[in-house]
Amino acid sequence: MLAADVVYGEECGPNEFECEDGTCIDLRQQCDNVPDCRRGEDEQDCVECDESREFFCRVDKVCIPKEAVCDGRNDCSDAEDEICEACPRNTWQCDYGQCIPLEQKCDGNIDCPDDISDERNCPSKHQPGGRFDVGFGVGIAVGDVLSLALH
């Protein structure tokens, strides 16, 4: 249902907001900074989030931490926090959608909270002394005897 889709004379459903005049609008249109009810009551008594640190779940009318957005877990009942767009420039997108700084990709530390996608398919790094890094901090020393060293 879009802003133009308004229902009159019916009982509003669970995913709808009832305006004072009895019209029903989609619940996602409430508190979206666009008055859809004739008197604008769909924009009154809205929770205000600190946009620098929080994300507003429109259906639940709650603020969640920005770290919870695009983390692979539905924190908003309608999964609005998992509708993710492409990551900004100089960032990399984890499999579950979270964006991390590009320098954290293949840095030997797992930075994607719900998966290990930032450390998969990384080129192996040759280190001085005949050692090779083979992902996740495991080093292999090459010599007369092959030994494994965790570092």
N, C-alpha and C. Protein backbone atom coordinates (compact mmCIF):
# COMPACT_ATOMS: atom_id res chain seq x y z
N MET A 1 0.85 -1.17 0.00
CA MET A 1 0.00 0.00 0.00
C MET A 1 0.89 1.23 0.00
N LEU A 2 0.65 2.16 -0.88
CA LEU A 2 1.43 3.39 -0.99
C LEU A 2 0.65 4.54 -0.38
N ALA A 3 1.28 5.73 -0.34
CA ALA A 3 0.65 6.90 0.27
C ALA A 3 -0.72 7.17 -0.34
N ALA A 4 -0.89 6.88 -1.61
CA ALA A 4 -2.17 7.13 -2.27
C ALA A 4 -3.19 6.04 -1.96
N ASP A 5 -2.74 4.91 -1.45
CA ASP A 5 -3.64 3.80 -1.14
C ASP A 5 -4.19 3.95 0.27
N VAL A 6 -5.33 4.57 0.40
CA VAL A 6 -5.96 4.81 1.69
C VAL A 6 -7.29 4.09 1.68
N VAL A 7 -7.60 3.39 2.77
CA VAL A 7 -8.84 2.62 2.86
C VAL A 7 -9.78 3.34 3.83
N TYR A 8 -11.04 3.53 3.41
CA TYR A 8 -12.04 4.19 4.24
C TYR A 8 -13.09 3.19 4.69
N GLY A 9 -13.61 3.39 5.89
CA GLY A 9 -14.77 2.64 6.35
C GLY A 9 -14.53 1.19 6.69
N GLU A 10 -13.30 0.76 6.78
CA GLU A 10 -12.99 -0.62 7.16
C GLU A 10 -12.19 -0.60 8.45
N GLU A 11 -12.23 -1.70 9.16
CA GLU A 11 -11.38 -1.82 10.34
C GLU A 11 -9.95 -2.02 9.85
N CYS A 12 -9.01 -1.30 10.45
CA CYS A 12 -7.62 -1.40 10.01
C CYS A 12 -7.03 -2.74 10.43
N GLY A 13 -6.17 -3.26 9.58
CA GLY A 13 -5.50 -4.53 9.86
C GLY A 13 -4.32 -4.34 10.80
N PRO A 14 -3.66 -5.44 11.17
CA PRO A 14 -2.54 -5.36 12.12
C PRO A 14 -1.33 -4.59 11.58
N ASN A 15 -1.19 -4.51 10.28
CA ASN A 15 -0.07 -3.78 9.67
C ASN A 15 -0.49 -2.41 9.16
N GLU A 16 -1.56 -1.88 9.75
CA GLU A 16 -2.06 -0.58 9.32
C GLU A 16 -2.23 0.36 10.51
N PHE A 17 -2.17 1.64 10.24
CA PHE A 17 -2.39 2.69 11.24
C PHE A 17 -3.73 3.33 10.93
N GLU A 18 -4.55 3.53 11.97
CA GLU A 18 -5.86 4.16 11.76
C GLU A 18 -5.77 5.65 12.06
N CYS A 19 -6.08 6.45 11.05
CA CYS A 19 -6.12 7.91 11.20
C CYS A 19 -7.38 8.30 11.97
N GLU A 20 -7.41 9.52 12.50
CA GLU A 20 -8.56 9.99 13.28
C GLU A 20 -9.87 9.94 12.50
N ASP A 21 -9.80 10.12 11.19
CA ASP A 21 -11.02 10.10 10.38
C ASP A 21 -11.42 8.69 9.95
N GLY A 22 -10.71 7.66 10.45
CA GLY A 22 -11.07 6.28 10.15
C GLY A 22 -10.35 5.68 8.96
N THR A 23 -9.54 6.45 8.27
CA THR A 23 -8.80 5.89 7.15
C THR A 23 -7.65 5.03 7.67
N CYS A 24 -7.27 4.06 6.88
CA CYS A 24 -6.17 3.17 7.23
C CYS A 24 -5.01 3.41 6.28
N ILE A 25 -3.82 3.51 6.84
CA ILE A 25 -2.62 3.64 6.01
C ILE A 25 -1.65 2.53 6.43
N ASP A 26 -0.74 2.19 5.55
CA ASP A 26 0.27 1.19 5.85
C ASP A 26 1.06 1.64 7.08
N LEU A 27 1.31 0.73 8.00
CA LEU A 27 2.00 1.05 9.24
C LEU A 27 3.39 1.63 8.99
N ARG A 28 4.02 1.25 7.88
CA ARG A 28 5.35 1.78 7.57
C ARG A 28 5.31 3.26 7.22
N GLN A 29 4.10 3.78 6.95
CA GLN A 29 3.97 5.20 6.64
C GLN A 29 3.88 6.05 7.90
N GLN A 30 3.71 5.42 9.04
CA GLN A 30 3.68 6.16 10.29
C GLN A 30 5.11 6.50 10.70
N CYS A 31 5.30 7.74 11.13
CA CYS A 31 6.62 8.21 11.60
C CYS A 31 7.68 8.12 10.51
N ASP A 32 7.30 8.41 9.27
CA ASP A 32 8.27 8.43 8.17
C ASP A 32 8.55 9.85 7.70
N ASN A 33 8.15 10.84 8.51
CA ASN A 33 8.32 12.27 8.21
C ASN A 33 7.50 12.75 7.03
N VAL A 34 6.49 11.99 6.63
CA VAL A 34 5.56 12.40 5.57
C VAL A 34 4.15 12.23 6.13
N PRO A 35 3.41 13.33 6.36
CA PRO A 35 2.04 13.19 6.88
C PRO A 35 1.12 12.54 5.84
N ASP A 36 0.55 11.39 6.19
CA ASP A 36 -0.35 10.68 5.29
C ASP A 36 -1.80 10.80 5.74
N CYS A 37 -2.04 11.00 7.03
CA CYS A 37 -3.39 11.24 7.53
C CYS A 37 -3.74 12.71 7.28
N ARG A 38 -5.01 13.01 7.13
CA ARG A 38 -5.44 14.38 6.83
C ARG A 38 -4.95 15.38 7.86
N ARG A 39 -4.94 14.99 9.12
CA ARG A 39 -4.51 15.90 10.19
C ARG A 39 -3.06 15.65 10.62
N GLY A 40 -2.38 14.77 9.94
CA GLY A 40 -0.97 14.52 10.23
C GLY A 40 -0.69 13.73 11.48
N GLU A 41 -1.73 13.08 12.02
CA GLU A 41 -1.53 12.35 13.28
C GLU A 41 -0.59 11.16 13.14
N ASP A 42 -0.35 10.70 11.93
CA ASP A 42 0.59 9.60 11.75
C ASP A 42 2.04 10.04 11.99
N GLU A 43 2.27 11.33 12.13
CA GLU A 43 3.61 11.85 12.40
C GLU A 43 3.73 12.43 13.81
N GLN A 44 2.73 12.21 14.65
CA GLN A 44 2.76 12.71 16.03
C GLN A 44 3.19 11.59 16.98
N ASP A 45 3.75 11.98 18.10
CA ASP A 45 4.18 11.04 19.14
C ASP A 45 5.16 9.99 18.62
N CYS A 46 6.02 10.40 17.73
CA CYS A 46 7.02 9.48 17.18
C CYS A 46 8.27 9.49 18.05
N VAL A 47 8.90 8.33 18.14
CA VAL A 47 10.16 8.21 18.87
C VAL A 47 11.25 8.84 18.02
N GLU A 48 12.12 9.61 18.64
CA GLU A 48 13.24 10.21 17.91
C GLU A 48 14.51 9.49 18.30
N CYS A 49 15.22 9.02 17.31
CA CYS A 49 16.47 8.31 17.55
C CYS A 49 17.64 9.24 17.26
N ASP A 50 18.76 8.97 17.90
CA ASP A 50 20.00 9.68 17.59
C ASP A 50 20.54 9.04 16.32
N GLU A 51 20.33 9.69 15.18
CA GLU A 51 20.67 9.10 13.88
C GLU A 51 22.15 8.78 13.72
N SER A 52 23.00 9.42 14.52
CA SER A 52 24.43 9.12 14.41
C SER A 52 24.77 7.77 15.05
N ARG A 53 23.89 7.29 15.96
CA ARG A 53 24.18 6.04 16.68
C ARG A 53 23.07 5.01 16.59
N GLU A 54 21.88 5.42 16.12
CA GLU A 54 20.72 4.53 16.19
C GLU A 54 19.95 4.48 14.87
N PHE A 55 19.19 3.40 14.73
CA PHE A 55 18.30 3.18 13.59
C PHE A 55 16.89 3.05 14.14
N PHE A 56 15.92 3.65 13.47
CA PHE A 56 14.53 3.62 13.92
C PHE A 56 13.76 2.51 13.22
N CYS A 57 13.21 1.56 13.99
CA CYS A 57 12.32 0.53 13.45
C CYS A 57 10.92 1.14 13.41
N ARG A 58 10.42 1.38 12.20
CA ARG A 58 9.15 2.11 12.07
C ARG A 58 7.96 1.31 12.56
N VAL A 59 7.90 0.03 12.30
CA VAL A 59 6.75 -0.77 12.73
C VAL A 59 6.74 -0.92 14.25
N ASP A 60 7.89 -1.17 14.84
CA ASP A 60 7.99 -1.37 16.28
C ASP A 60 8.08 -0.06 17.06
N LYS A 61 8.44 1.01 16.36
CA LYS A 61 8.62 2.33 16.97
C LYS A 61 9.67 2.29 18.09
N VAL A 62 10.80 1.67 17.78
CA VAL A 62 11.91 1.61 18.72
C VAL A 62 13.21 1.96 18.00
N CYS A 63 14.19 2.38 18.78
CA CYS A 63 15.52 2.66 18.26
C CYS A 63 16.42 1.46 18.57
N ILE A 64 17.22 1.08 17.60
CA ILE A 64 18.20 0.01 17.82
C ILE A 64 19.58 0.57 17.49
N PRO A 65 20.65 0.00 18.04
CA PRO A 65 22.00 0.49 17.72
C PRO A 65 22.30 0.31 16.24
N LYS A 66 23.06 1.24 15.66
CA LYS A 66 23.41 1.14 14.24
C LYS A 66 24.17 -0.15 13.93
N GLU A 67 24.91 -0.68 14.92
CA GLU A 67 25.66 -1.92 14.70
C GLU A 67 24.73 -3.09 14.41
N ALA A 68 23.46 -2.97 14.80
CA ALA A 68 22.50 -4.05 14.59
C ALA A 68 21.91 -4.03 13.18
N VAL A 69 22.19 -3.00 12.41
CA VAL A 69 21.67 -2.88 11.04
C VAL A 69 22.55 -3.70 10.11
N CYS A 70 21.92 -4.49 9.27
CA CYS A 70 22.62 -5.32 8.27
C CYS A 70 23.63 -6.27 8.92
N ASP A 71 23.25 -6.84 10.07
CA ASP A 71 24.14 -7.79 10.75
C ASP A 71 23.67 -9.23 10.60
N GLY A 72 22.64 -9.46 9.78
CA GLY A 72 22.15 -10.82 9.57
C GLY A 72 21.09 -11.25 10.56
N ARG A 73 20.73 -10.40 11.51
CA ARG A 73 19.69 -10.71 12.51
C ARG A 73 18.58 -9.69 12.39
N ASN A 74 17.34 -10.15 12.41
CA ASN A 74 16.19 -9.25 12.37
C ASN A 74 15.95 -8.66 13.75
N ASP A 75 16.25 -7.39 13.91
CA ASP A 75 16.00 -6.71 15.17
C ASP A 75 14.67 -5.97 15.13
N CYS A 76 14.22 -5.58 13.95
CA CYS A 76 12.90 -4.99 13.75
C CYS A 76 11.96 -6.14 13.36
N SER A 77 10.72 -6.12 13.83
CA SER A 77 9.81 -7.24 13.58
C SER A 77 9.54 -7.47 12.10
N ASP A 78 9.67 -6.42 11.28
CA ASP A 78 9.45 -6.58 9.84
C ASP A 78 10.76 -6.73 9.07
N ALA A 79 11.88 -6.92 9.77
CA ALA A 79 13.21 -7.09 9.18
C ALA A 79 13.69 -5.86 8.42
N GLU A 80 13.12 -4.71 8.74
CA GLU A 80 13.51 -3.46 8.07
C GLU A 80 15.00 -3.17 8.26
N ASP A 81 15.57 -3.59 9.37
CA ASP A 81 16.98 -3.34 9.64
C ASP A 81 17.90 -4.21 8.79
N GLU A 82 17.35 -5.17 8.06
CA GLU A 82 18.15 -6.03 7.20
C GLU A 82 17.96 -5.74 5.71
N ILE A 83 17.26 -4.65 5.40
CA ILE A 83 17.15 -4.21 4.01
C ILE A 83 18.37 -3.34 3.77
N CYS A 84 19.38 -3.92 3.16
CA CYS A 84 20.69 -3.27 3.09
C CYS A 84 21.03 -2.86 1.67
N GLU A 85 21.62 -1.71 1.58
CA GLU A 85 22.09 -1.23 0.29
C GLU A 85 23.58 -1.51 0.19
N ALA A 86 24.15 -1.22 -0.95
CA ALA A 86 25.57 -1.45 -1.14
C ALA A 86 26.38 -0.63 -0.14
N CYS A 87 27.54 -1.13 0.18
CA CYS A 87 28.41 -0.44 1.14
C CYS A 87 29.02 0.81 0.51
N PRO A 88 29.31 1.80 1.35
CA PRO A 88 29.96 3.01 0.83
C PRO A 88 31.36 2.71 0.31
N ARG A 89 31.93 3.65 -0.40
CA ARG A 89 33.28 3.53 -0.95
C ARG A 89 34.27 3.27 0.19
N ASN A 90 35.31 2.54 -0.09
CA ASN A 90 36.37 2.18 0.86
C ASN A 90 35.88 1.28 2.00
N THR A 91 34.77 0.57 1.77
CA THR A 91 34.31 -0.43 2.72
C THR A 91 34.06 -1.73 1.97
N TRP A 92 33.89 -2.82 2.71
CA TRP A 92 33.63 -4.13 2.13
C TRP A 92 32.41 -4.71 2.81
N GLN A 93 31.56 -5.40 2.04
CA GLN A 93 30.32 -5.93 2.59
C GLN A 93 30.47 -7.41 2.95
N CYS A 94 30.21 -7.70 4.24
CA CYS A 94 30.22 -9.08 4.73
C CYS A 94 29.07 -9.85 4.06
N ASP A 95 29.13 -11.18 4.09
CA ASP A 95 28.07 -11.98 3.49
C ASP A 95 26.69 -11.62 4.04
N TYR A 96 26.61 -11.28 5.32
CA TYR A 96 25.32 -10.96 5.92
C TYR A 96 24.94 -9.50 5.76
N GLY A 97 25.74 -8.72 5.03
CA GLY A 97 25.34 -7.35 4.70
C GLY A 97 26.05 -6.25 5.44
N GLN A 98 26.67 -6.52 6.57
CA GLN A 98 27.34 -5.45 7.32
C GLN A 98 28.53 -4.94 6.53
N CYS A 99 28.78 -3.63 6.62
CA CYS A 99 29.92 -3.01 5.96
C CYS A 99 31.06 -2.83 6.97
N ILE A 100 32.26 -3.19 6.56
CA ILE A 100 33.44 -2.99 7.41
C ILE A 100 34.45 -2.18 6.61
N PRO A 101 35.38 -1.48 7.29
CA PRO A 101 36.43 -0.75 6.56
C PRO A 101 37.22 -1.71 5.68
N LEU A 102 37.57 -1.27 4.50
CA LEU A 102 38.26 -2.10 3.52
C LEU A 102 39.57 -2.68 4.07
N GLU A 103 40.26 -1.93 4.92
CA GLU A 103 41.53 -2.43 5.45
C GLU A 103 41.35 -3.60 6.42
N GLN A 104 40.12 -3.88 6.85
CA GLN A 104 39.87 -5.03 7.73
C GLN A 104 39.65 -6.32 6.94
N LYS A 105 39.51 -6.23 5.62
CA LYS A 105 39.37 -7.41 4.77
C LYS A 105 40.73 -8.09 4.67
N CYS A 106 40.79 -9.37 4.96
CA CYS A 106 42.02 -10.17 4.87
C CYS A 106 43.13 -9.63 5.76
N ASP A 107 42.77 -9.14 6.97
CA ASP A 107 43.79 -8.63 7.89
C ASP A 107 44.17 -9.66 8.96
N GLY A 108 43.62 -10.87 8.86
CA GLY A 108 43.93 -11.90 9.84
C GLY A 108 42.99 -11.92 11.03
N ASN A 109 42.11 -10.94 11.14
CA ASN A 109 41.12 -10.88 12.23
C ASN A 109 39.72 -11.03 11.64
N ILE A 110 38.86 -11.75 12.32
CA ILE A 110 37.48 -11.90 11.86
C ILE A 110 36.72 -10.65 12.30
N ASP A 111 36.31 -9.84 11.34
CA ASP A 111 35.64 -8.57 11.63
C ASP A 111 34.15 -8.62 11.31
N CYS A 112 33.70 -9.58 10.51
CA CYS A 112 32.27 -9.73 10.24
C CYS A 112 31.69 -10.54 11.40
N PRO A 113 30.77 -9.97 12.17
CA PRO A 113 30.34 -10.60 13.41
C PRO A 113 29.62 -11.93 13.26
N ASP A 114 28.90 -12.15 12.17
CA ASP A 114 28.11 -13.37 12.04
C ASP A 114 28.67 -14.37 11.05
N ASP A 115 29.80 -14.07 10.48
CA ASP A 115 30.41 -15.00 9.54
C ASP A 115 31.91 -14.71 9.49
N ILE A 116 32.60 -15.44 8.67
CA ILE A 116 34.04 -15.21 8.54
C ILE A 116 34.36 -14.74 7.12
N SER A 117 33.38 -14.14 6.46
CA SER A 117 33.54 -13.82 5.05
C SER A 117 34.68 -12.85 4.78
N ASP A 118 35.05 -12.02 5.75
CA ASP A 118 36.14 -11.07 5.51
C ASP A 118 37.52 -11.74 5.51
N GLU A 119 37.58 -12.99 5.95
CA GLU A 119 38.86 -13.70 5.98
C GLU A 119 38.87 -14.91 5.04
N ARG A 120 37.85 -15.06 4.22
CA ARG A 120 37.81 -16.14 3.23
C ARG A 120 38.40 -15.66 1.91
N ASN A 121 38.95 -16.59 1.15
CA ASN A 121 39.49 -16.32 -0.18
C ASN A 121 40.54 -15.21 -0.18
N CYS A 122 41.34 -15.18 0.85
CA CYS A 122 42.41 -14.18 0.94
C CYS A 122 43.68 -14.77 0.34
N PRO A 123 44.47 -13.93 -0.32
CA PRO A 123 45.75 -14.44 -0.84
C PRO A 123 46.67 -14.77 0.33
N SER A 124 47.45 -15.85 0.19
CA SER A 124 48.39 -16.18 1.26
C SER A 124 49.54 -15.18 1.20
N LYS A 125 50.07 -14.88 2.39
CA LYS A 125 51.14 -13.89 2.48
C LYS A 125 52.45 -14.60 2.80
N HIS A 126 53.46 -14.32 2.02
CA HIS A 126 54.79 -14.89 2.27
C HIS A 126 55.50 -14.01 3.28
N GLN A 127 56.03 -14.62 4.32
CA GLN A 127 56.76 -13.88 5.35
C GLN A 127 58.24 -14.24 5.28
N PRO A 128 59.09 -13.36 5.79
CA PRO A 128 60.53 -13.67 5.82
C PRO A 128 60.78 -14.94 6.63
N GLY A 129 61.86 -15.64 6.32
CA GLY A 129 62.24 -16.84 7.08
C GLY A 129 61.53 -18.09 6.59
N GLY A 130 60.98 -18.08 5.39
CA GLY A 130 60.36 -19.27 4.83
C GLY A 130 59.01 -19.60 5.42
N ARG A 131 58.33 -18.63 6.02
CA ARG A 131 57.01 -18.90 6.60
C ARG A 131 55.94 -18.35 5.67
N PHE A 132 54.82 -19.02 5.65
CA PHE A 132 53.67 -18.59 4.87
C PHE A 132 52.48 -18.49 5.79
N ASP A 133 51.72 -17.41 5.68
CA ASP A 133 50.46 -17.33 6.42
C ASP A 133 49.39 -18.04 5.61
N VAL A 134 48.66 -18.91 6.26
CA VAL A 134 47.61 -19.64 5.58
C VAL A 134 46.31 -19.38 6.33
N GLY A 135 45.81 -18.17 6.27
CA GLY A 135 44.52 -17.80 6.86
C GLY A 135 44.40 -18.06 8.34
N PHE A 136 43.62 -17.28 9.00
CA PHE A 136 43.25 -17.39 10.40
C PHE A 136 44.45 -17.52 11.34
N GLY A 137 45.57 -16.93 11.00
CA GLY A 137 46.70 -16.86 11.90
C GLY A 137 47.48 -18.14 12.06
N VAL A 138 47.36 -19.09 11.14
CA VAL A 138 48.14 -20.32 11.21
C VAL A 138 49.33 -20.14 10.29
N GLY A 139 50.53 -20.36 10.82
CA GLY A 139 51.74 -20.23 10.01
C GLY A 139 52.37 -21.58 9.78
N ILE A 140 52.97 -21.77 8.63
CA ILE A 140 53.67 -23.03 8.34
C ILE A 140 55.13 -22.68 8.09
N ALA A 141 56.03 -23.29 8.85
CA ALA A 141 57.46 -23.07 8.67
C ALA A 141 58.00 -24.17 7.75
N VAL A 142 58.75 -23.77 6.75
CA VAL A 142 59.28 -24.72 5.79
C VAL A 142 60.77 -24.92 6.08
N GLY A 143 61.20 -26.12 6.24
CA GLY A 143 62.60 -26.43 6.51
C GLY A 143 62.79 -27.93 6.39
N ASP A 144 63.80 -28.49 7.13
CA ASP A 144 64.00 -29.93 7.12
C ASP A 144 62.78 -30.65 7.66
N VAL A 145 62.15 -30.05 8.68
CA VAL A 145 60.97 -30.64 9.30
C VAL A 145 59.84 -29.64 9.14
N LEU A 146 58.71 -30.12 8.72
CA LEU A 146 57.54 -29.26 8.56
C LEU A 146 56.85 -29.14 9.92
N SER A 147 56.68 -27.94 10.39
CA SER A 147 56.02 -27.76 11.69
C SER A 147 54.95 -26.69 11.56
N LEU A 148 53.96 -26.82 12.41
CA LEU A 148 52.87 -25.84 12.46
C LEU A 148 53.08 -24.96 13.67
N ALA A 149 52.93 -23.68 13.47
CA ALA A 149 53.05 -22.75 14.60
C ALA A 149 51.86 -21.82 14.57
N LEU A 150 51.16 -21.76 15.68
CA LEU A 150 50.07 -20.80 15.80
C LEU A 150 50.65 -19.48 16.25
N HIS A 151 50.21 -18.39 15.61
CA HIS A 151 50.68 -17.08 16.05
C HIS A 151 49.56 -16.11 16.09
